Amino acid sequence: MNIVALCGVALIAAILSVTLKKHSPETSIIISIAAGIILLMAILSKIIPAVNQIQTLISNAGMSAEYAGILFKAVGICLICQFSADSCKDAGEAALASKVEFAGKIMILILALPLFEKISQIALSLINSRLQ
């Protein structure tokens, strides 16, 4: 599905959603979320070559595959939380949307703890080698 088709799906869904919002708000929200899922799935199917290329770059740079895993998980958390928060905002639940965004930030922080640990170990080893 190319970008024109994706935009067409989004515009049609938006028109249907706005049209139905007055008479059936529940259906309007379902149309919005369904269209978002369709768009997300179409985009995710196109991202696989980019993911493969990033993995190749990371392995060529001599970095651990663990770091690539953390990177991809963090991006996944961002995408899922953004989609969920936007859906909550569309449903008129701004407070719930902000909680989803906060939860995503905390999950990324937890996910990145091994990186912080590794960076602190490297910094300490550099400081210790300087002192000796």
Protein backbone atom coordinates (compact mmCIF):
# COMPACT_ATOMS: atom_id res chain seq x y z
CA MET A 1 0.00 0.00 0.00
CA ASN A 2 1.59 3.29 -1.02
CA ILE A 3 1.37 6.59 0.82
CA VAL A 4 -1.48 7.88 -1.35
CA ALA A 5 -3.59 4.84 -0.47
CA LEU A 6 -2.72 5.20 3.22
CA CYS A 7 -3.73 8.85 3.18
CA GLY A 8 -6.91 7.95 1.30
CA VAL A 9 -7.85 5.39 3.95
CA ALA A 10 -7.16 7.95 6.68
CA LEU A 11 -9.25 10.65 5.01
CA ILE A 12 -12.19 8.32 4.35
CA ALA A 13 -12.09 7.10 7.93
CA ALA A 14 -11.91 10.67 9.22
CA ILE A 15 -14.92 11.72 7.12
CA LEU A 16 -16.92 8.69 8.27
CA SER A 17 -15.92 9.27 11.86
CA VAL A 18 -16.89 12.95 11.84
CA THR A 19 -20.16 12.19 10.05
CA LEU A 20 -21.15 9.48 12.54
CA LYS A 21 -19.93 11.31 15.64
CA LYS A 22 -23.24 13.18 16.13
CA HIS A 23 -25.46 10.10 15.84
CA SER A 24 -23.24 7.30 17.10
CA PRO A 25 -20.10 8.39 18.96
CA GLU A 26 -19.18 4.78 19.77
CA THR A 27 -19.16 3.80 16.10
CA SER A 28 -17.12 6.89 15.30
CA ILE A 29 -14.41 5.86 17.77
CA ILE A 30 -14.40 2.28 16.47
CA ILE A 31 -13.94 3.52 12.88
CA SER A 32 -11.05 5.73 13.99
CA ILE A 33 -9.29 2.97 15.88
CA ALA A 34 -9.87 0.41 13.11
CA ALA A 35 -8.46 2.77 10.49
CA GLY A 36 -5.47 3.45 12.73
CA ILE A 37 -4.81 -0.26 13.11
CA ILE A 38 -5.06 -0.77 9.33
CA LEU A 39 -2.60 2.07 8.74
CA LEU A 40 -0.24 0.81 11.43
CA MET A 41 -0.23 -2.73 10.03
CA ALA A 42 0.39 -1.45 6.49
CA ILE A 43 3.32 0.66 7.68
CA LEU A 44 4.81 -2.09 9.84
CA SER A 45 4.85 -4.45 6.86
CA LYS A 46 7.00 -1.91 4.97
CA ILE A 47 9.46 -1.35 7.79
CA ILE A 48 11.03 -4.83 7.78
CA PRO A 49 13.74 -3.92 5.20
CA ALA A 50 14.72 -0.90 7.28
CA VAL A 51 14.96 -3.04 10.42
CA ASN A 52 17.20 -5.51 8.57
CA GLN A 53 19.43 -2.69 7.39
CA ILE A 54 19.71 -1.25 10.89
CA GLN A 55 20.65 -4.69 12.24
CA THR A 56 23.34 -4.97 9.56
CA LEU A 57 24.73 -1.53 10.43
CA ILE A 58 24.82 -2.38 14.13
CA SER A 59 26.60 -5.70 13.53
CA ASN A 60 29.08 -4.02 11.12
CA ALA A 61 29.83 -1.41 13.77
CA GLY A 62 30.73 -4.21 16.18
CA MET A 63 27.96 -3.37 18.60
CA SER A 64 26.20 -6.03 20.62
CA ALA A 65 22.92 -7.39 19.28
CA GLU A 66 21.52 -6.61 22.72
CA TYR A 67 21.69 -2.90 21.91
CA ALA A 68 19.76 -3.39 18.68
CA GLY A 69 17.11 -5.29 20.61
CA ILE A 70 16.79 -2.45 23.10
CA LEU A 71 16.54 0.06 20.27
CA PHE A 72 13.79 -1.85 18.46
CA LYS A 73 11.85 -2.50 21.67
CA ALA A 74 12.02 1.20 22.57
CA VAL A 75 10.74 2.20 19.13
CA GLY A 76 7.96 -0.37 19.44
CA ILE A 77 6.96 0.99 22.84
CA CYS A 78 6.91 4.51 21.42
CA LEU A 79 4.71 3.53 18.49
CA ILE A 80 2.25 1.51 20.57
CA CYS A 81 1.95 4.17 23.27
CA GLN A 82 1.54 6.98 20.74
CA PHE A 83 -1.18 5.06 18.91
CA SER A 84 -2.95 4.25 22.18
CA ALA A 85 -2.68 7.80 23.50
CA ASP A 86 -3.98 9.26 20.25
CA SER A 87 -6.91 6.84 20.32
CA CYS A 88 -7.67 7.85 23.90
CA LYS A 89 -7.55 11.54 22.93
CA ASP A 90 -9.91 10.86 20.01
CA ALA A 91 -12.30 9.25 22.48
CA GLY A 92 -12.15 12.36 24.67
CA GLU A 93 -10.01 10.75 27.37
CA ALA A 94 -7.05 13.15 27.53
CA ALA A 95 -6.20 12.16 31.11
CA LEU A 96 -6.02 8.50 30.16
CA ALA A 97 -3.88 9.41 27.14
CA SER A 98 -1.36 11.19 29.34
CA LYS A 99 -1.20 8.12 31.62
CA VAL A 100 -0.45 5.91 28.62
CA GLU A 101 2.31 8.28 27.51
CA PHE A 102 3.75 8.31 31.05
CA ALA A 103 3.66 4.50 31.22
CA GLY A 104 5.52 4.34 27.90
CA LYS A 105 8.23 6.65 29.19
CA ILE A 106 8.68 4.57 32.34
CA MET A 107 8.85 1.34 30.29
CA ILE A 108 11.54 2.82 28.03
CA LEU A 109 13.50 3.94 31.10
CA ILE A 110 13.31 0.41 32.54
CA LEU A 111 14.29 -1.03 29.17
CA ALA A 112 17.33 1.27 28.97
CA LEU A 113 18.68 0.44 32.45
CA PRO A 114 21.22 -2.09 31.07
CA LEU A 115 22.56 0.65 28.78
CA PHE A 116 22.94 3.05 31.70
CA GLU A 117 24.74 0.33 33.65
CA LYS A 118 27.13 -0.33 30.75
CA ILE A 119 27.83 3.39 30.27
CA SER A 120 28.57 3.83 33.98
CA GLN A 121 30.93 0.82 33.92
CA ILE A 122 32.81 2.29 30.95
CA ALA A 123 33.00 5.70 32.62
CA LEU A 124 34.31 4.16 35.84
CA SER A 125 36.91 2.12 33.99
CA LEU A 126 38.08 5.24 32.14
CA ILE A 127 38.31 7.20 35.39
CA ASN A 128 40.18 4.37 37.12
CA SER A 129 42.64 4.00 34.24
CA ARG A 130 43.28 7.78 34.33
CA LEU A 131 44.02 7.69 38.04
CA GLN A 132 46.55 4.88 37.76
